[in-house]
Amino acid sequence: YVTMAGPLQMAADLPETYNKFKDAFQFIKD
């Protein structure tokens, strides 16, 4: 999300997977 900068960024994985890694997912949110 930083090295491949662009004005359009997707969190591509499934919501249920992100819910298993909420602490790491925080970076994508931020």
All heavy atoms as atom14 arrays in JSON, in Angstrom:
{
  "sequence": "YVTMAGPLQMAADLPETYNKFKDAFQFIKD",
  "atom14_mask": [
    [1, 1, 1, 1, 1, 1, 1, 1, 1, 1, 1, 1, 0, 0],
    [1, 1, 1, 1, 1, 1, 1, 0, 0, 0, 0, 0, 0, 0],
    [1, 1, 1, 1, 1, 1, 1, 0, 0, 0, 0, 0, 0, 0],
    [1, 1, 1, 1, 1, 1, 1, 1, 0, 0, 0, 0, 0, 0],
    [1, 1, 1, 1, 1, 0, 0, 0, 0, 0, 0, 0, 0, 0],
    [1, 1, 1, 1, 0, 0, 0, 0, 0, 0, 0, 0, 0, 0],
    [1, 1, 1, 1, 1, 1, 1, 0, 0, 0, 0, 0, 0, 0],
    [1, 1, 1, 1, 1, 1, 1, 1, 0, 0, 0, 0, 0, 0],
    [1, 1, 1, 1, 1, 1, 1, 1, 1, 0, 0, 0, 0, 0],
    [1, 1, 1, 1, 1, 1, 1, 1, 0, 0, 0, 0, 0, 0],
    [1, 1, 1, 1, 1, 0, 0, 0, 0, 0, 0, 0, 0, 0],
    [1, 1, 1, 1, 1, 0, 0, 0, 0, 0, 0, 0, 0, 0],
    [1, 1, 1, 1, 1, 1, 1, 1, 0, 0, 0, 0, 0, 0],
    [1, 1, 1, 1, 1, 1, 1, 1, 0, 0, 0, 0, 0, 0],
    [1, 1, 1, 1, 1, 1, 1, 0, 0, 0, 0, 0, 0, 0],
    [1, 1, 1, 1, 1, 1, 1, 1, 1, 0, 0, 0, 0, 0],
    [1, 1, 1, 1, 1, 1, 1, 0, 0, 0, 0, 0, 0, 0],
    [1, 1, 1, 1, 1, 1, 1, 1, 1, 1, 1, 1, 0, 0],
    [1, 1, 1, 1, 1, 1, 1, 1, 0, 0, 0, 0, 0, 0],
    [1, 1, 1, 1, 1, 1, 1, 1, 1, 0, 0, 0, 0, 0],
    [1, 1, 1, 1, 1, 1, 1, 1, 1, 1, 1, 0, 0, 0],
    [1, 1, 1, 1, 1, 1, 1, 1, 1, 0, 0, 0, 0, 0],
    [1, 1, 1, 1, 1, 1, 1, 1, 0, 0, 0, 0, 0, 0],
    [1, 1, 1, 1, 1, 0, 0, 0, 0, 0, 0, 0, 0, 0],
    [1, 1, 1, 1, 1, 1, 1, 1, 1, 1, 1, 0, 0, 0],
    [1, 1, 1, 1, 1, 1, 1, 1, 1, 0, 0, 0, 0, 0],
    [1, 1, 1, 1, 1, 1, 1, 1, 1, 1, 1, 0, 0, 0],
    [1, 1, 1, 1, 1, 1, 1, 1, 0, 0, 0, 0, 0, 0],
    [1, 1, 1, 1, 1, 1, 1, 1, 1, 0, 0, 0, 0, 0],
    [1, 1, 1, 1, 1, 1, 1, 1, 0, 0, 0, 0, 0, 0]
  ],
  "atom14_positions": [
    [[0.82, -1.21, 0.0], [0.0, 0.0, 0.0], [0.85, 1.26, 0.0], [0.38, 2.34, -0.35], [-0.95, 0.0, 1.2], [-2.01, -1.07, 1.1], [-1.82, -2.33, 1.67], [-3.19, -0.83, 0.4], [-2.79, -3.32, 1.56], [-4.16, -1.82, 0.29], [-3.95, -3.06, 0.86], [-4.91, -4.04, 0.74], [0.0, 0.0, 0.0], [0.0, 0.0, 0.0]],
    [[2.12, 1.12, 0.36], [3.04, 2.25, 0.36], [4.0, 2.16, -0.82], [4.23, 3.15, -1.52], [3.84, 2.31, 1.68], [4.73, 3.55, 1.72], [2.9, 2.3, 2.89], [0.0, 0.0, 0.0], [0.0, 0.0, 0.0], [0.0, 0.0, 0.0], [0.0, 0.0, 0.0], [0.0, 0.0, 0.0], [0.0, 0.0, 0.0], [0.0, 0.0, 0.0]],
    [[4.57, 0.99, -1.07], [5.58, 0.88, -2.13], [4.96, 0.99, -3.52], [5.61, 1.44, -4.46], [6.34, -0.45, -2.02], [5.43, -1.55, -2.16], [7.05, -0.55, -0.68], [0.0, 0.0, 0.0], [0.0, 0.0, 0.0], [0.0, 0.0, 0.0], [0.0, 0.0, 0.0], [0.0, 0.0, 0.0], [0.0, 0.0, 0.0], [0.0, 0.0, 0.0]],
    [[3.7, 0.57, -3.67], [3.02, 0.66, -4.97], [1.92, 1.71, -4.87], [0.72, 1.41, -4.94], [2.47, -0.7, -5.39], [3.57, -1.73, -5.57], [3.0, -3.31, -6.23], [2.43, -2.82, -7.85], [0.0, 0.0, 0.0], [0.0, 0.0, 0.0], [0.0, 0.0, 0.0], [0.0, 0.0, 0.0], [0.0, 0.0, 0.0], [0.0, 0.0, 0.0]],
    [[2.35, 2.94, -4.72], [1.43, 4.05, -4.45], [0.47, 4.27, -5.61], [0.84, 4.13, -6.78], [2.21, 5.32, -4.16], [0.0, 0.0, 0.0], [0.0, 0.0, 0.0], [0.0, 0.0, 0.0], [0.0, 0.0, 0.0], [0.0, 0.0, 0.0], [0.0, 0.0, 0.0], [0.0, 0.0, 0.0], [0.0, 0.0, 0.0], [0.0, 0.0, 0.0]],
    [[-0.75, 4.65, -5.26], [-1.74, 5.01, -6.26], [-2.99, 5.5, -5.57], [-3.25, 5.16, -4.4], [0.0, 0.0, 0.0], [0.0, 0.0, 0.0], [0.0, 0.0, 0.0], [0.0, 0.0, 0.0], [0.0, 0.0, 0.0], [0.0, 0.0, 0.0], [0.0, 0.0, 0.0], [0.0, 0.0, 0.0], [0.0, 0.0, 0.0], [0.0, 0.0, 0.0]],
    [[-3.81, 6.28, -6.26], [-5.0, 6.86, -5.64], [-6.17, 5.89, -5.53], [-7.23, 6.25, -5.03], [-5.34, 8.01, -6.59], [-4.91, 7.5, -7.92], [-3.65, 6.71, -7.66], [0.0, 0.0, 0.0], [0.0, 0.0, 0.0], [0.0, 0.0, 0.0], [0.0, 0.0, 0.0], [0.0, 0.0, 0.0], [0.0, 0.0, 0.0], [0.0, 0.0, 0.0]],
    [[-5.98, 4.67, -6.03], [-7.01, 3.65, -5.96], [-6.38, 2.41, -5.34], [-5.47, 1.82, -5.93], [-7.55, 3.34, -7.35], [-8.68, 2.32, -7.42], [-9.97, 2.91, -6.85], [-8.91, 1.86, -8.85], [0.0, 0.0, 0.0], [0.0, 0.0, 0.0], [0.0, 0.0, 0.0], [0.0, 0.0, 0.0], [0.0, 0.0, 0.0], [0.0, 0.0, 0.0]],
    [[-6.82, 2.02, -4.15], [-6.24, 0.87, -3.46], [-7.34, -0.03, -2.95], [-8.29, 0.42, -2.31], [-5.36, 1.33, -2.29], [-4.12, 2.1, -2.68], [-3.02, 1.23, -3.28], [-3.16, 0.01, -3.38], [-1.92, 1.86, -3.68], [0.0, 0.0, 0.0], [0.0, 0.0, 0.0], [0.0, 0.0, 0.0], [0.0, 0.0, 0.0], [0.0, 0.0, 0.0]],
    [[-7.19, -1.32, -3.21], [-8.18, -2.3, -2.79], [-7.65, -3.14, -1.63], [-6.47, -3.52, -1.62], [-8.53, -3.23, -3.96], [-9.64, -4.22, -3.63], [-9.99, -5.34, -5.02], [-11.59, -5.99, -4.5], [0.0, 0.0, 0.0], [0.0, 0.0, 0.0], [0.0, 0.0, 0.0], [0.0, 0.0, 0.0], [0.0, 0.0, 0.0], [0.0, 0.0, 0.0]],
    [[-8.52, -3.43, -0.68], [-8.27, -4.51, 0.28], [-8.94, -5.73, -0.32], [-10.16, -5.9, -0.24], [-8.85, -4.17, 1.64], [0.0, 0.0, 0.0], [0.0, 0.0, 0.0], [0.0, 0.0, 0.0], [0.0, 0.0, 0.0], [0.0, 0.0, 0.0], [0.0, 0.0, 0.0], [0.0, 0.0, 0.0], [0.0, 0.0, 0.0], [0.0, 0.0, 0.0]],
    [[-8.15, -6.58, -0.98], [-8.7, -7.54, -1.92], [-9.24, -8.82, -1.29], [-10.06, -9.5, -1.89], [-7.66, -7.89, -2.98], [0.0, 0.0, 0.0], [0.0, 0.0, 0.0], [0.0, 0.0, 0.0], [0.0, 0.0, 0.0], [0.0, 0.0, 0.0], [0.0, 0.0, 0.0], [0.0, 0.0, 0.0], [0.0, 0.0, 0.0], [0.0, 0.0, 0.0]],
    [[-8.79, -9.18, -0.1], [-9.2, -10.45, 0.5], [-10.63, -10.36, 1.03], [-11.27, -9.3, 1.01], [-8.22, -10.85, 1.6], [-8.02, -12.36, 1.67], [-8.96, -13.1, 1.34], [-6.92, -12.81, 2.07], [0.0, 0.0, 0.0], [0.0, 0.0, 0.0], [0.0, 0.0, 0.0], [0.0, 0.0, 0.0], [0.0, 0.0, 0.0], [0.0, 0.0, 0.0]],
    [[-11.11, -11.47, 1.53], [-12.49, -11.56, 1.98], [-12.66, -10.98, 3.38], [-11.77, -11.11, 4.23], [-12.95, -13.02, 1.97], [-12.75, -13.8, 0.67], [-13.45, -15.15, 0.76], [-13.26, -13.03, -0.54], [0.0, 0.0, 0.0], [0.0, 0.0, 0.0], [0.0, 0.0, 0.0], [0.0, 0.0, 0.0], [0.0, 0.0, 0.0], [0.0, 0.0, 0.0]],
    [[-13.8, -10.37, 3.67], [-14.04, -9.8, 5.0], [-13.84, -10.79, 6.13], [-13.28, -10.45, 7.18], [-15.49, -9.32, 4.92], [-15.69, -9.0, 3.48], [-14.9, -10.03, 2.74], [0.0, 0.0, 0.0], [0.0, 0.0, 0.0], [0.0, 0.0, 0.0], [0.0, 0.0, 0.0], [0.0, 0.0, 0.0], [0.0, 0.0, 0.0], [0.0, 0.0, 0.0]],
    [[-14.27, -12.03, 5.95], [-14.13, -13.02, 7.02], [-12.66, -13.32, 7.33], [-12.32, -13.65, 8.47], [-14.88, -14.31, 6.69], [-14.54, -14.94, 5.35], [-15.5, -14.56, 4.24], [-15.95, -13.4, 4.21], [-15.8, -15.44, 3.39], [0.0, 0.0, 0.0], [0.0, 0.0, 0.0], [0.0, 0.0, 0.0], [0.0, 0.0, 0.0], [0.0, 0.0, 0.0]],
    [[-11.8, -13.18, 6.32], [-10.36, -13.38, 6.58], [-9.78, -12.2, 7.33], [-9.0, -12.37, 8.27], [-9.63, -13.6, 5.25], [-10.12, -14.78, 4.62], [-8.12, -13.74, 5.47], [0.0, 0.0, 0.0], [0.0, 0.0, 0.0], [0.0, 0.0, 0.0], [0.0, 0.0, 0.0], [0.0, 0.0, 0.0], [0.0, 0.0, 0.0], [0.0, 0.0, 0.0]],
    [[-10.15, -11.0, 6.94], [-9.66, -9.82, 7.66], [-10.11, -9.83, 9.12], [-9.38, -9.39, 10.01], [-10.14, -8.54, 6.97], [-9.45, -8.26, 5.66], [-10.17, -7.87, 4.54], [-8.07, -8.38, 5.54], [-9.55, -7.6, 3.33], [-7.43, -8.13, 4.33], [-8.18, -7.74, 3.23], [-7.54, -7.48, 2.04], [0.0, 0.0, 0.0], [0.0, 0.0, 0.0]],
    [[-11.28, -10.38, 9.37], [-11.77, -10.44, 10.75], [-10.95, -11.39, 11.62], [-11.0, -11.31, 12.85], [-13.24, -10.84, 10.78], [-14.15, -9.71, 10.32], [-13.82, -8.54, 10.47], [-15.3, -10.06, 9.75], [0.0, 0.0, 0.0], [0.0, 0.0, 0.0], [0.0, 0.0, 0.0], [0.0, 0.0, 0.0], [0.0, 0.0, 0.0], [0.0, 0.0, 0.0]],
    [[-10.18, -12.28, 10.99], [-9.29, -13.17, 11.74], [-7.97, -12.48, 12.09], [-7.23, -12.96, 12.95], [-8.99, -14.42, 10.91], [-10.19, -15.3, 10.62], [-9.78, -16.46, 9.72], [-10.98, -17.31, 9.34], [-10.59, -18.41, 8.4], [0.0, 0.0, 0.0], [0.0, 0.0, 0.0], [0.0, 0.0, 0.0], [0.0, 0.0, 0.0], [0.0, 0.0, 0.0]],
    [[-7.66, -11.39, 11.4], [-6.37, -10.7, 11.59], [-6.63, -9.21, 11.8], [-6.05, -8.36, 11.12], [-5.47, -10.91, 10.37], [-5.14, -12.34, 10.06], [-5.91, -13.06, 9.15], [-4.07, -12.98, 10.67], [-5.62, -14.37, 8.85], [-3.76, -14.3, 10.37], [-4.54, -15.0, 9.47], [0.0, 0.0, 0.0], [0.0, 0.0, 0.0], [0.0, 0.0, 0.0]],
    [[-7.5, -8.89, 12.74], [-7.92, -7.5, 12.9], [-6.77, -6.58, 13.26], [-6.76, -5.4, 12.86], [-9.02, -7.42, 13.95], [-10.35, -7.98, 13.49], [-11.44, -7.78, 14.53], [-12.78, -8.29, 14.02], [-13.86, -8.09, 15.02], [0.0, 0.0, 0.0], [0.0, 0.0, 0.0], [0.0, 0.0, 0.0], [0.0, 0.0, 0.0], [0.0, 0.0, 0.0]],
    [[-5.79, -7.08, 14.01], [-4.67, -6.21, 14.4], [-3.82, -5.83, 13.19], [-3.41, -4.68, 13.04], [-3.82, -6.87, 15.49], [-3.31, -8.26, 15.12], [-3.72, -8.8, 14.08], [-2.51, -8.81, 15.91], [0.0, 0.0, 0.0], [0.0, 0.0, 0.0], [0.0, 0.0, 0.0], [0.0, 0.0, 0.0], [0.0, 0.0, 0.0], [0.0, 0.0, 0.0]],
    [[-3.58, -6.77, 12.29], [-2.81, -6.46, 11.07], [-3.64, -5.67, 10.08], [-3.14, -4.78, 9.38], [-2.3, -7.75, 10.43], [0.0, 0.0, 0.0], [0.0, 0.0, 0.0], [0.0, 0.0, 0.0], [0.0, 0.0, 0.0], [0.0, 0.0, 0.0], [0.0, 0.0, 0.0], [0.0, 0.0, 0.0], [0.0, 0.0, 0.0], [0.0, 0.0, 0.0]],
    [[-4.93, -5.97, 10.02], [-5.84, -5.26, 9.11], [-5.91, -3.77, 9.44], [-6.22, -2.94, 8.57], [-7.23, -5.9, 9.19], [-8.24, -5.31, 8.25], [-8.02, -5.3, 6.88], [-9.43, -4.77, 8.74], [-8.96, -4.76, 6.02], [-10.37, -4.24, 7.88], [-10.14, -4.24, 6.52], [0.0, 0.0, 0.0], [0.0, 0.0, 0.0], [0.0, 0.0, 0.0]],
    [[-5.58, -3.42, 10.68], [-5.62, -2.02, 11.09], [-4.74, -1.15, 10.2], [-5.09, 0.0, 9.9], [-5.18, -1.88, 12.55], [-5.34, -0.48, 13.12], [-6.78, -0.03, 13.18], [-7.66, -0.79, 13.58], [-7.05, 1.21, 12.77], [0.0, 0.0, 0.0], [0.0, 0.0, 0.0], [0.0, 0.0, 0.0], [0.0, 0.0, 0.0], [0.0, 0.0, 0.0]],
    [[-3.61, -1.68, 9.74], [-2.75, -0.88, 8.86], [-3.45, -0.53, 7.56], [-3.36, 0.61, 7.08], [-1.44, -1.62, 8.55], [-0.51, -0.8, 7.68], [0.3, 0.17, 8.23], [-0.48, -0.99, 6.31], [1.13, 0.95, 7.44], [0.35, -0.22, 5.5], [1.15, 0.75, 6.07], [0.0, 0.0, 0.0], [0.0, 0.0, 0.0], [0.0, 0.0, 0.0]],
    [[-4.17, -1.49, 6.97], [-4.9, -1.21, 5.72], [-5.96, -0.16, 5.97], [-6.2, 0.72, 5.12], [-5.51, -2.49, 5.15], [-4.42, -3.52, 4.83], [-6.32, -2.19, 3.89], [-4.93, -4.83, 4.29], [0.0, 0.0, 0.0], [0.0, 0.0, 0.0], [0.0, 0.0, 0.0], [0.0, 0.0, 0.0], [0.0, 0.0, 0.0], [0.0, 0.0, 0.0]],
    [[-6.61, -0.21, 7.12], [-7.62, 0.79, 7.47], [-6.99, 2.18, 7.61], [-7.59, 3.19, 7.23], [-8.32, 0.41, 8.77], [-9.18, -0.83, 8.66], [-9.62, -1.36, 10.02], [-10.48, -0.37, 10.78], [-10.99, -0.94, 12.05], [0.0, 0.0, 0.0], [0.0, 0.0, 0.0], [0.0, 0.0, 0.0], [0.0, 0.0, 0.0], [0.0, 0.0, 0.0]],
    [[-5.78, 2.23, 8.15], [-5.13, 3.51, 8.46], [-4.43, 4.14, 7.26], [-4.38, 5.37, 7.15], [-4.1, 3.33, 9.58], [-4.73, 2.99, 10.92], [-5.93, 3.26, 11.09], [-4.01, 2.45, 11.79], [0.0, 0.0, 0.0], [0.0, 0.0, 0.0], [0.0, 0.0, 0.0], [0.0, 0.0, 0.0], [0.0, 0.0, 0.0], [0.0, 0.0, 0.0]]
  ]
}
